[in-house]
Amino acid sequence: MATTPTRLSKQARREQLLDTAAAIVRSRGADGLTLVTLAEAAGVSRPIVYDHFGTRPGLLLALYRRLDERHRASVTRALRDAVPVAEEVARVIGAAYFACATDMPELNAVSAALKGNPDMETGGQEMTDNYTDLMAAALRPYTHLEPDALRLCCAGVLGAAGALATELNHGRASVEDVVDALTGLIMGGLKAG
């Protein structure tokens, strides 16, 4: 007996499309993700995909935001379980940051695909600000730095983390190496206060 397919709510369809988009990026790279390839892979009509994302940059930005939210949620969970000691908190931040690089490689691919897009510049800065704030809040109890100085330190550490992620992704360092390096940079910044 044939069954009638269940119609998804708009939000459930969006989640399904973003899941499919992440799978496409993981298997084919960001260049393989278009509104057309997404519609085909998800088994939906093109107008459905266009209705959700409008443009390819809109799709990439939505996927980037979703991956970023998942990454920050993972860091938040890890910090909740961290021993409340400066070096342990710094190590948890480093380990969670680089876990993203290995567990969600599509985040870097999507980020690179959006470089130069004005919407991405705004969205990317917002996401960096959110991550910087999360990091500063976690580290606040362990430093005498003023809030603005701590935030600036965290922004610098995130820049360094990006460079370390490049080393990791090119096989020039191990996860342990980059976590140790980032932990050292965080601790050095905290001691500066």
N, C-alpha and C. Protein backbone atom coordinates (compact mmCIF):
# COMPACT_ATOMS: atom_id res chain seq x y z
N MET A 1 0.84 -1.17 0.00
CA MET A 1 0.00 0.00 0.00
C MET A 1 0.89 1.24 0.00
N ALA A 2 0.63 2.18 -0.87
CA ALA A 2 1.42 3.41 -0.98
C ALA A 2 1.02 4.36 0.14
N THR A 3 1.99 5.06 0.64
CA THR A 3 1.71 6.04 1.68
C THR A 3 1.91 7.44 1.11
N THR A 4 1.17 8.37 1.64
CA THR A 4 1.29 9.76 1.22
C THR A 4 2.44 10.38 2.00
N PRO A 5 3.38 11.03 1.31
CA PRO A 5 4.49 11.64 2.04
C PRO A 5 3.98 12.71 3.00
N THR A 6 4.62 12.80 4.14
CA THR A 6 4.26 13.79 5.13
C THR A 6 4.82 15.14 4.70
N ARG A 7 3.98 16.15 4.76
CA ARG A 7 4.42 17.50 4.43
C ARG A 7 5.09 18.10 5.66
N LEU A 8 6.27 18.64 5.48
CA LEU A 8 7.03 19.22 6.58
C LEU A 8 6.61 20.65 6.83
N SER A 9 6.68 21.08 8.09
CA SER A 9 6.47 22.49 8.39
C SER A 9 7.60 23.28 7.75
N LYS A 10 7.42 24.57 7.63
CA LYS A 10 8.45 25.41 7.01
C LYS A 10 9.77 25.28 7.77
N GLN A 11 9.71 25.29 9.12
CA GLN A 11 10.94 25.18 9.91
C GLN A 11 11.58 23.80 9.76
N ALA A 12 10.77 22.76 9.77
CA ALA A 12 11.31 21.41 9.60
C ALA A 12 11.93 21.25 8.21
N ARG A 13 11.30 21.84 7.20
CA ARG A 13 11.86 21.77 5.84
C ARG A 13 13.20 22.51 5.80
N ARG A 14 13.27 23.67 6.44
CA ARG A 14 14.52 24.44 6.47
C ARG A 14 15.63 23.62 7.12
N GLU A 15 15.32 22.96 8.24
CA GLU A 15 16.30 22.12 8.91
C GLU A 15 16.75 20.98 8.00
N GLN A 16 15.80 20.36 7.31
CA GLN A 16 16.14 19.28 6.38
C GLN A 16 17.04 19.80 5.27
N LEU A 17 16.74 20.97 4.75
CA LEU A 17 17.55 21.55 3.68
C LEU A 17 18.95 21.89 4.18
N LEU A 18 19.06 22.42 5.39
CA LEU A 18 20.38 22.74 5.94
C LEU A 18 21.18 21.47 6.24
N ASP A 19 20.52 20.42 6.69
CA ASP A 19 21.20 19.13 6.89
C ASP A 19 21.76 18.63 5.55
N THR A 20 20.94 18.71 4.52
CA THR A 20 21.35 18.26 3.20
C THR A 20 22.49 19.14 2.66
N ALA A 21 22.39 20.44 2.89
CA ALA A 21 23.43 21.37 2.44
C ALA A 21 24.77 21.04 3.11
N ALA A 22 24.74 20.76 4.40
CA ALA A 22 25.98 20.41 5.11
C ALA A 22 26.57 19.12 4.54
N ALA A 23 25.72 18.17 4.23
CA ALA A 23 26.21 16.91 3.66
C ALA A 23 26.83 17.14 2.28
N ILE A 24 26.25 18.03 1.50
CA ILE A 24 26.81 18.34 0.18
C ILE A 24 28.19 18.97 0.33
N VAL A 25 28.31 19.94 1.24
CA VAL A 25 29.60 20.60 1.44
C VAL A 25 30.64 19.60 1.94
N ARG A 26 30.23 18.71 2.83
CA ARG A 26 31.15 17.70 3.37
C ARG A 26 31.65 16.77 2.27
N SER A 27 30.78 16.41 1.34
CA SER A 27 31.18 15.45 0.31
C SER A 27 31.74 16.09 -0.95
N ARG A 28 31.28 17.28 -1.33
CA ARG A 28 31.69 17.88 -2.60
C ARG A 28 32.39 19.22 -2.44
N GLY A 29 32.47 19.73 -1.22
CA GLY A 29 33.04 21.05 -1.01
C GLY A 29 31.99 22.13 -1.21
N ALA A 30 32.32 23.34 -0.80
CA ALA A 30 31.37 24.45 -0.90
C ALA A 30 31.03 24.77 -2.35
N ASP A 31 31.96 24.56 -3.27
CA ASP A 31 31.67 24.83 -4.68
C ASP A 31 30.58 23.92 -5.22
N GLY A 32 30.38 22.77 -4.60
CA GLY A 32 29.35 21.84 -5.04
C GLY A 32 27.96 22.17 -4.54
N LEU A 33 27.87 23.19 -3.69
CA LEU A 33 26.57 23.56 -3.12
C LEU A 33 25.99 24.75 -3.87
N THR A 34 24.90 24.50 -4.55
CA THR A 34 24.12 25.56 -5.19
C THR A 34 22.67 25.34 -4.80
N LEU A 35 21.83 26.28 -5.13
CA LEU A 35 20.40 26.09 -4.85
C LEU A 35 19.86 24.91 -5.66
N VAL A 36 20.35 24.74 -6.86
CA VAL A 36 19.90 23.64 -7.72
C VAL A 36 20.38 22.29 -7.16
N THR A 37 21.67 22.19 -6.80
CA THR A 37 22.15 20.90 -6.28
C THR A 37 21.46 20.57 -4.96
N LEU A 38 21.15 21.59 -4.17
CA LEU A 38 20.44 21.35 -2.92
C LEU A 38 19.03 20.83 -3.18
N ALA A 39 18.32 21.44 -4.11
CA ALA A 39 16.96 20.98 -4.43
C ALA A 39 17.00 19.53 -4.90
N GLU A 40 17.94 19.22 -5.78
CA GLU A 40 18.03 17.85 -6.29
C GLU A 40 18.35 16.86 -5.18
N ALA A 41 19.34 17.19 -4.34
CA ALA A 41 19.74 16.26 -3.27
C ALA A 41 18.65 16.09 -2.22
N ALA A 42 17.89 17.16 -1.96
CA ALA A 42 16.83 17.09 -0.95
C ALA A 42 15.53 16.52 -1.51
N GLY A 43 15.46 16.39 -2.82
CA GLY A 43 14.25 15.86 -3.44
C GLY A 43 13.07 16.82 -3.38
N VAL A 44 13.37 18.11 -3.51
CA VAL A 44 12.32 19.12 -3.51
C VAL A 44 12.45 19.97 -4.77
N SER A 45 11.42 20.76 -5.02
CA SER A 45 11.47 21.64 -6.19
C SER A 45 12.38 22.83 -5.92
N ARG A 46 12.88 23.40 -6.99
CA ARG A 46 13.76 24.57 -6.86
C ARG A 46 13.07 25.74 -6.15
N PRO A 47 11.80 26.02 -6.46
CA PRO A 47 11.15 27.15 -5.77
C PRO A 47 11.13 27.00 -4.24
N ILE A 48 11.08 25.79 -3.75
CA ILE A 48 11.11 25.59 -2.28
C ILE A 48 12.45 26.07 -1.74
N VAL A 49 13.53 25.71 -2.40
CA VAL A 49 14.86 26.12 -1.94
C VAL A 49 15.01 27.63 -2.08
N TYR A 50 14.56 28.19 -3.20
CA TYR A 50 14.65 29.64 -3.38
C TYR A 50 13.82 30.38 -2.34
N ASP A 51 12.67 29.83 -1.98
CA ASP A 51 11.81 30.45 -0.97
C ASP A 51 12.52 30.51 0.39
N HIS A 52 13.28 29.50 0.72
CA HIS A 52 13.97 29.46 2.01
C HIS A 52 15.22 30.33 2.05
N PHE A 53 15.98 30.39 0.95
CA PHE A 53 17.30 31.03 1.01
C PHE A 53 17.50 32.16 0.01
N GLY A 54 16.71 32.24 -1.01
CA GLY A 54 16.79 33.33 -1.97
C GLY A 54 17.95 33.23 -2.94
N THR A 55 19.15 33.21 -2.42
CA THR A 55 20.36 33.20 -3.25
C THR A 55 21.36 32.19 -2.68
N ARG A 56 22.37 31.90 -3.46
CA ARG A 56 23.42 31.01 -2.96
C ARG A 56 24.12 31.62 -1.74
N PRO A 57 24.50 32.91 -1.78
CA PRO A 57 25.07 33.50 -0.56
C PRO A 57 24.11 33.42 0.63
N GLY A 58 22.81 33.57 0.38
CA GLY A 58 21.83 33.44 1.46
C GLY A 58 21.83 32.04 2.05
N LEU A 59 21.96 31.04 1.19
CA LEU A 59 22.05 29.65 1.63
C LEU A 59 23.33 29.42 2.42
N LEU A 60 24.45 29.89 1.89
CA LEU A 60 25.73 29.71 2.57
C LEU A 60 25.74 30.42 3.93
N LEU A 61 25.18 31.61 3.98
CA LEU A 61 25.14 32.35 5.24
C LEU A 61 24.25 31.64 6.26
N ALA A 62 23.10 31.12 5.83
CA ALA A 62 22.22 30.37 6.74
C ALA A 62 22.93 29.13 7.27
N LEU A 63 23.64 28.43 6.39
CA LEU A 63 24.37 27.24 6.81
C LEU A 63 25.50 27.63 7.76
N TYR A 64 26.21 28.71 7.46
CA TYR A 64 27.30 29.16 8.33
C TYR A 64 26.77 29.52 9.72
N ARG A 65 25.65 30.23 9.77
CA ARG A 65 25.06 30.59 11.07
C ARG A 65 24.68 29.35 11.86
N ARG A 66 24.10 28.39 11.19
CA ARG A 66 23.69 27.16 11.87
C ARG A 66 24.90 26.41 12.43
N LEU A 67 25.93 26.28 11.63
CA LEU A 67 27.13 25.58 12.09
C LEU A 67 27.79 26.33 13.23
N ASP A 68 27.82 27.66 13.14
CA ASP A 68 28.39 28.48 14.20
C ASP A 68 27.60 28.31 15.51
N GLU A 69 26.28 28.31 15.41
CA GLU A 69 25.45 28.11 16.61
C GLU A 69 25.76 26.76 17.26
N ARG A 70 25.89 25.74 16.45
CA ARG A 70 26.20 24.41 16.98
C ARG A 70 27.57 24.39 17.63
N HIS A 71 28.51 25.08 17.03
CA HIS A 71 29.86 25.14 17.60
C HIS A 71 29.85 25.85 18.95
N ARG A 72 29.18 27.00 19.02
CA ARG A 72 29.13 27.74 20.29
C ARG A 72 28.38 26.93 21.36
N ALA A 73 27.35 26.21 20.97
CA ALA A 73 26.62 25.36 21.93
C ALA A 73 27.53 24.26 22.46
N SER A 74 28.37 23.71 21.60
CA SER A 74 29.31 22.67 22.02
C SER A 74 30.33 23.24 23.01
N VAL A 75 30.84 24.43 22.73
CA VAL A 75 31.79 25.08 23.64
C VAL A 75 31.11 25.36 24.98
N THR A 76 29.89 25.85 24.95
CA THR A 76 29.15 26.16 26.18
C THR A 76 28.97 24.91 27.03
N ARG A 77 28.62 23.79 26.39
CA ARG A 77 28.47 22.53 27.14
C ARG A 77 29.80 22.11 27.75
N ALA A 78 30.86 22.21 26.97
CA ALA A 78 32.18 21.82 27.48
C ALA A 78 32.60 22.70 28.65
N LEU A 79 32.32 23.98 28.58
CA LEU A 79 32.69 24.90 29.66
C LEU A 79 31.90 24.61 30.95
N ARG A 80 30.66 24.18 30.80
CA ARG A 80 29.86 23.83 31.98
C ARG A 80 30.49 22.70 32.77
N ASP A 81 31.15 21.79 32.05
CA ASP A 81 31.75 20.62 32.69
C ASP A 81 33.21 20.83 33.08
N ALA A 82 33.77 21.99 32.76
CA ALA A 82 35.18 22.25 33.03
C ALA A 82 35.44 22.48 34.51
N VAL A 83 36.59 22.01 34.96
CA VAL A 83 37.03 22.31 36.32
C VAL A 83 37.30 23.82 36.37
N PRO A 84 36.78 24.53 37.38
CA PRO A 84 36.92 25.99 37.40
C PRO A 84 38.32 26.47 37.80
N VAL A 85 39.27 26.19 36.94
CA VAL A 85 40.65 26.60 37.10
C VAL A 85 41.05 27.22 35.75
N ALA A 86 41.78 28.31 35.78
CA ALA A 86 42.09 29.06 34.56
C ALA A 86 42.64 28.17 33.44
N GLU A 87 43.66 27.38 33.74
CA GLU A 87 44.27 26.58 32.68
C GLU A 87 43.31 25.53 32.13
N GLU A 88 42.48 24.97 32.97
CA GLU A 88 41.50 23.98 32.50
C GLU A 88 40.46 24.65 31.60
N VAL A 89 39.98 25.81 32.00
CA VAL A 89 39.00 26.53 31.18
C VAL A 89 39.64 26.90 29.84
N ALA A 90 40.88 27.37 29.86
CA ALA A 90 41.59 27.72 28.63
C ALA A 90 41.74 26.49 27.74
N ARG A 91 42.08 25.35 28.33
CA ARG A 91 42.26 24.11 27.56
C ARG A 91 40.93 23.66 26.96
N VAL A 92 39.85 23.78 27.72
CA VAL A 92 38.52 23.40 27.21
C VAL A 92 38.15 24.28 26.02
N ILE A 93 38.42 25.57 26.12
CA ILE A 93 38.13 26.48 25.00
C ILE A 93 38.93 26.04 23.77
N GLY A 94 40.22 25.77 23.96
CA GLY A 94 41.06 25.34 22.85
C GLY A 94 40.61 24.02 22.25
N ALA A 95 40.33 23.05 23.10
CA ALA A 95 39.90 21.74 22.61
C ALA A 95 38.58 21.84 21.86
N ALA A 96 37.64 22.62 22.39
CA ALA A 96 36.34 22.77 21.73
C ALA A 96 36.49 23.50 20.40
N TYR A 97 37.35 24.51 20.37
CA TYR A 97 37.56 25.25 19.13
C TYR A 97 38.09 24.32 18.03
N PHE A 98 39.09 23.52 18.36
CA PHE A 98 39.68 22.66 17.34
C PHE A 98 38.85 21.42 17.06
N ALA A 99 38.01 21.02 17.99
CA ALA A 99 37.08 19.93 17.71
C ALA A 99 36.16 20.35 16.57
N CYS A 100 35.82 21.63 16.55
CA CYS A 100 34.99 22.14 15.47
C CYS A 100 35.71 21.99 14.13
N ALA A 101 37.00 22.29 14.11
CA ALA A 101 37.77 22.19 12.87
C ALA A 101 37.79 20.76 12.34
N THR A 102 37.79 19.78 13.25
CA THR A 102 37.83 18.39 12.80
C THR A 102 36.43 17.78 12.67
N ASP A 103 35.49 18.18 13.55
CA ASP A 103 34.14 17.61 13.52
C ASP A 103 33.22 18.30 12.52
N MET A 104 33.50 19.57 12.21
CA MET A 104 32.66 20.33 11.29
C MET A 104 33.53 21.00 10.22
N PRO A 105 34.21 20.22 9.40
CA PRO A 105 35.08 20.84 8.40
C PRO A 105 34.32 21.72 7.42
N GLU A 106 33.02 21.48 7.30
CA GLU A 106 32.24 22.29 6.37
C GLU A 106 32.13 23.75 6.83
N LEU A 107 32.34 24.04 8.12
CA LEU A 107 32.29 25.42 8.61
C LEU A 107 33.37 26.26 7.94
N ASN A 108 34.59 25.75 7.87
CA ASN A 108 35.67 26.50 7.21
C ASN A 108 35.42 26.63 5.71
N ALA A 109 34.89 25.59 5.10
CA ALA A 109 34.63 25.62 3.66
C ALA A 109 33.56 26.67 3.34
N VAL A 110 32.52 26.71 4.15
CA VAL A 110 31.45 27.68 3.92
C VAL A 110 31.96 29.09 4.18
N SER A 111 32.74 29.25 5.24
CA SER A 111 33.31 30.56 5.55
C SER A 111 34.16 31.06 4.39
N ALA A 112 35.00 30.20 3.84
CA ALA A 112 35.86 30.59 2.72
C ALA A 112 35.02 30.96 1.50
N ALA A 113 33.94 30.23 1.26
CA ALA A 113 33.09 30.50 0.11
C ALA A 113 32.39 31.85 0.21
N LEU A 114 32.20 32.34 1.42
CA LEU A 114 31.51 33.60 1.63
C LEU A 114 32.43 34.81 1.70
N LYS A 115 33.73 34.59 1.67
CA LYS A 115 34.68 35.71 1.76
C LYS A 115 34.38 36.72 0.66
N GLY A 116 34.37 37.97 1.03
CA GLY A 116 34.13 39.04 0.06
C GLY A 116 32.66 39.37 -0.13
N ASN A 117 31.76 38.57 0.43
CA ASN A 117 30.34 38.86 0.33
C ASN A 117 29.97 39.84 1.44
N PRO A 118 29.37 40.99 1.12
CA PRO A 118 29.06 42.00 2.15
C PRO A 118 28.18 41.48 3.28
N ASP A 119 27.21 40.63 2.95
CA ASP A 119 26.35 40.06 3.99
C ASP A 119 27.17 39.16 4.92
N MET A 120 28.12 38.44 4.34
CA MET A 120 28.95 37.56 5.14
C MET A 120 29.85 38.36 6.06
N GLU A 121 30.36 39.48 5.57
CA GLU A 121 31.22 40.32 6.41
C GLU A 121 30.46 40.73 7.67
N THR A 122 29.22 41.16 7.52
CA THR A 122 28.41 41.55 8.67
C THR A 122 28.08 40.35 9.53
N GLY A 123 27.59 39.28 8.92
CA GLY A 123 27.25 38.07 9.66
C GLY A 123 28.45 37.44 10.32
N GLY A 124 29.57 37.42 9.62
CA GLY A 124 30.80 36.85 10.17
C GLY A 124 31.29 37.63 11.37
N GLN A 125 31.20 38.96 11.29
CA GLN A 125 31.62 39.78 12.42
C GLN A 125 30.71 39.56 13.62
N GLU A 126 29.43 39.43 13.36
CA GLU A 126 28.48 39.16 14.45
C GLU A 126 28.81 37.83 15.14
N MET A 127 29.12 36.82 14.36
CA MET A 127 29.44 35.52 14.93
C MET A 127 30.77 35.55 15.68
N THR A 128 31.74 36.28 15.15
CA THR A 128 33.02 36.43 15.86
C THR A 128 32.80 37.17 17.17
N ASP A 129 31.98 38.20 17.14
CA ASP A 129 31.67 38.95 18.37
C ASP A 129 31.02 38.05 19.41
N ASN A 130 30.07 37.22 18.98
CA ASN A 130 29.39 36.31 19.91
C ASN A 130 30.38 35.33 20.54
N TYR A 131 31.29 34.81 19.72
CA TYR A 131 32.27 33.84 20.23
C TYR A 131 33.26 34.54 21.17
N THR A 132 33.66 35.75 20.80
CA THR A 132 34.57 36.53 21.65
C THR A 132 33.91 36.79 23.01
N ASP A 133 32.64 37.15 22.99
CA ASP A 133 31.92 37.41 24.24
C ASP A 133 31.81 36.14 25.09
N LEU A 134 31.54 35.01 24.45
CA LEU A 134 31.46 33.73 25.17
C LEU A 134 32.79 33.41 25.84
N MET A 135 33.86 33.60 25.10
CA MET A 135 35.20 33.32 25.62
C MET A 135 35.55 34.27 26.77
N ALA A 136 35.27 35.55 26.59
CA ALA A 136 35.59 36.54 27.63
C ALA A 136 34.80 36.25 28.91
N ALA A 137 33.55 35.87 28.77
CA ALA A 137 32.74 35.55 29.95
C ALA A 137 33.30 34.35 30.70
N ALA A 138 33.77 33.35 29.96
CA ALA A 138 34.33 32.15 30.60
C ALA A 138 35.64 32.46 31.31
N LEU A 139 36.40 33.40 30.77
CA LEU A 139 37.72 33.70 31.32
C LEU A 139 37.72 34.83 32.35
N ARG A 140 36.65 35.59 32.43
CA ARG A 140 36.57 36.74 33.32
C ARG A 140 37.00 36.44 34.76
N PRO A 141 36.59 35.31 35.36
CA PRO A 141 36.97 35.06 36.76
C PRO A 141 38.48 34.84 36.98
N TYR A 142 39.23 34.68 35.90
CA TYR A 142 40.63 34.28 36.05
C TYR A 142 41.63 35.38 35.68
N THR A 143 41.16 36.61 35.58
CA THR A 143 42.07 37.69 35.19
C THR A 143 41.68 38.99 35.87
N HIS A 144 42.67 39.87 35.93
CA HIS A 144 42.41 41.22 36.44
C HIS A 144 42.27 42.22 35.30
N LEU A 145 42.29 41.72 34.07
CA LEU A 145 42.10 42.61 32.92
C LEU A 145 40.73 43.28 33.00
N GLU A 146 40.68 44.52 32.59
CA GLU A 146 39.39 45.21 32.47
C GLU A 146 38.58 44.52 31.36
N PRO A 147 37.26 44.59 31.42
CA PRO A 147 36.44 43.89 30.42
C PRO A 147 36.81 44.18 28.97
N ASP A 148 37.06 45.45 28.63
CA ASP A 148 37.42 45.77 27.24
C ASP A 148 38.76 45.16 26.87
N ALA A 149 39.72 45.18 27.79
CA ALA A 149 41.03 44.60 27.52
C ALA A 149 40.93 43.08 27.38
N LEU A 150 40.10 42.45 28.20
CA LEU A 150 39.91 41.00 28.10
C LEU A 150 39.27 40.64 26.77
N ARG A 151 38.28 41.41 26.37
CA ARG A 151 37.61 41.15 25.10
C ARG A 151 38.60 41.29 23.94
N LEU A 152 39.44 42.31 23.99
CA LEU A 152 40.44 42.51 22.95
C LEU A 152 41.44 41.35 22.94
N CYS A 153 41.82 40.89 24.10
CA CYS A 153 42.71 39.72 24.22
C CYS A 153 42.06 38.50 23.58
N CYS A 154 40.78 38.29 23.87
CA CYS A 154 40.06 37.14 23.30
C CYS A 154 39.95 37.26 21.79
N ALA A 155 39.72 38.46 21.28
CA ALA A 155 39.66 38.65 19.83
C ALA A 155 41.00 38.28 19.20
N GLY A 156 42.10 38.69 19.83
CA GLY A 156 43.42 38.34 19.32
C GLY A 156 43.68 36.85 19.37
N VAL A 157 43.26 36.22 20.45
CA VAL A 157 43.44 34.77 20.58
C VAL A 157 42.64 34.05 19.50
N LEU A 158 41.44 34.54 19.18
CA LEU A 158 40.65 33.91 18.13
C LEU A 158 41.34 34.04 16.77
N GLY A 159 41.97 35.17 16.54
CA GLY A 159 42.75 35.32 15.30
C GLY A 159 43.87 34.29 15.24
N ALA A 160 44.55 34.13 16.37
CA ALA A 160 45.61 33.13 16.44
C ALA A 160 45.04 31.72 16.27
N ALA A 161 43.87 31.48 16.83
CA ALA A 161 43.24 30.17 16.70
C ALA A 161 42.96 29.84 15.23
N GLY A 162 42.56 30.84 14.47
CA GLY A 162 42.34 30.63 13.04
C GLY A 162 43.62 30.21 12.33
N ALA A 163 44.73 30.87 12.69
CA ALA A 163 46.02 30.51 12.10
C ALA A 163 46.44 29.10 12.52
N LEU A 164 46.20 28.75 13.78
CA LEU A 164 46.52 27.41 14.24
C LEU A 164 45.65 26.35 13.55
N ALA A 165 44.39 26.69 13.30
CA ALA A 165 43.49 25.77 12.59
C ALA A 165 44.02 25.50 11.18
N THR A 166 44.59 26.51 10.55
CA THR A 166 45.20 26.32 9.23
C THR A 166 46.35 25.33 9.31
N GLU A 167 47.18 25.47 10.33
CA GLU A 167 48.29 24.53 10.53
C GLU A 167 47.76 23.11 10.72
N LEU A 168 46.73 22.98 11.53
CA LEU A 168 46.11 21.68 11.77
C LEU A 168 45.55 21.09 10.48
N ASN A 169 44.79 21.90 9.74
CA ASN A 169 44.15 21.42 8.52
C ASN A 169 45.15 21.05 7.43
N HIS A 170 46.34 21.64 7.46
CA HIS A 170 47.36 21.31 6.47
C HIS A 170 48.30 20.21 6.97
N GLY A 171 47.99 19.63 8.12
CA GLY A 171 48.78 18.52 8.63
C GLY A 171 50.13 18.91 9.19
N ARG A 172 50.34 20.19 9.48
CA ARG A 172 51.62 20.65 10.01
C ARG A 172 51.66 20.66 11.52
N ALA A 173 50.55 20.30 12.15
CA ALA A 173 50.48 20.22 13.61
C ALA A 173 49.38 19.23 13.97
N SER A 174 49.51 18.64 15.15
CA SER A 174 48.47 17.72 15.63
C SER A 174 47.45 18.51 16.44
N VAL A 175 46.33 17.87 16.73
CA VAL A 175 45.31 18.50 17.57
C VAL A 175 45.92 18.86 18.92
N GLU A 176 46.68 17.93 19.48
CA GLU A 176 47.31 18.19 20.78
C GLU A 176 48.22 19.42 20.72
N ASP A 177 48.99 19.53 19.64
CA ASP A 177 49.89 20.67 19.48
C ASP A 177 49.13 21.99 19.45
N VAL A 178 48.06 22.04 18.67
CA VAL A 178 47.34 23.32 18.53
C VAL A 178 46.56 23.66 19.79
N VAL A 179 46.03 22.63 20.47
CA VAL A 179 45.34 22.90 21.74
C VAL A 179 46.33 23.43 22.77
N ASP A 180 47.51 22.82 22.84
CA ASP A 180 48.55 23.30 23.76
C ASP A 180 48.94 24.74 23.44
N ALA A 181 49.12 25.03 22.15
CA ALA A 181 49.53 26.37 21.74
C ALA A 181 48.45 27.40 22.09
N LEU A 182 47.19 27.07 21.80
CA LEU A 182 46.12 28.01 22.10
C LEU A 182 45.95 28.20 23.60
N THR A 183 46.07 27.12 24.36
CA THR A 183 45.98 27.22 25.81
C THR A 183 47.08 28.16 26.33
N GLY A 184 48.28 28.01 25.81
CA GLY A 184 49.39 28.89 26.21
C GLY A 184 49.12 30.35 25.86
N LEU A 185 48.55 30.59 24.69
CA LEU A 185 48.24 31.97 24.31
C LEU A 185 47.17 32.57 25.22
N ILE A 186 46.16 31.78 25.53
CA ILE A 186 45.10 32.26 26.44
C ILE A 186 45.69 32.57 27.80
N MET A 187 46.48 31.63 28.33
CA MET A 187 47.06 31.84 29.66
C MET A 187 47.99 33.05 29.67
N GLY A 188 48.76 33.24 28.61
CA GLY A 188 49.64 34.40 28.51
C GLY A 188 48.84 35.69 28.51
N GLY A 189 47.73 35.71 27.81
CA GLY A 189 46.87 36.89 27.79
C GLY A 189 46.27 37.18 29.14
N LEU A 190 45.86 36.13 29.85
CA LEU A 190 45.27 36.31 31.18
C LEU A 190 46.30 36.84 32.17
N LYS A 191 47.53 36.36 32.07
CA LYS A 191 48.59 36.78 32.99
C LYS A 191 49.02 38.21 32.71
N ALA A 192 48.80 38.67 31.49
CA ALA A 192 49.16 40.06 31.15
C ALA A 192 48.39 41.03 32.03
N GLY A 193 47.23 40.58 32.52
CA GLY A 193 46.41 41.46 33.38
C GLY A 193 46.89 41.45 34.79
